[in-house]
């Protein structure tokens, strides 16, 4: 099978193969694509999600995947690769490790965000999502006495982007790691990371909508 030269710089080999399989067999189901690659449908899910979100492939329920319009595909792909996350980032919403789960839940609702960043002396220590807070609430106990430091995801397990990365990079990280938001970071003098922004699925969807228009 021939390589799609215009995408190979940014797409993985497997993603290029997925596009080629779809072009040669459209419409084709996710299960059929997985079978041709000798993989499970679950393994392919992040790749298919990235390709769909970026407009490289299309899908119809009960029909399968098919090729997107090539001119539109190339346009959307180039736009996503050219936009830096620093151009679309939102203001980060921060708390400290000692902030209670209750106060974190209130902050989530008041600020209308899905993820809070946990900081100490400007350094990013962790992230706490709605899912983390829901788990804590379901676990019982007094939410006013449980600090977010107990339920947060800590460094170095935090998925993040630097300001020079593209929106396409953010899309890949969000989908592959099944998170709603990634912090945009810069380095502090001591080598620790500072969150200077955030990019969420909402930020990305708004940009894709504008590009599509």
Foldseek 3Di string as FASTA:
>chain_A
DDFPVLCPVPDDPLLRVLLVVQAVDPFDALCVSCVVVVHHSVVCVLSVQLCPLQQQWHADPPGHIHGGDVVLSSLSNVVQQPAWCLVLFAAAAEDAQQQFLVVVVVCCVVVVHFKHFHDDPQFTFFMAGPVLSVVVVVVDDDSRRHGCNVRTGGPPVADAAERRGGSSVVSSRCSVVVHFKHFHWDADPVRGIGGRGMDGPVSSVVVSVVSVD
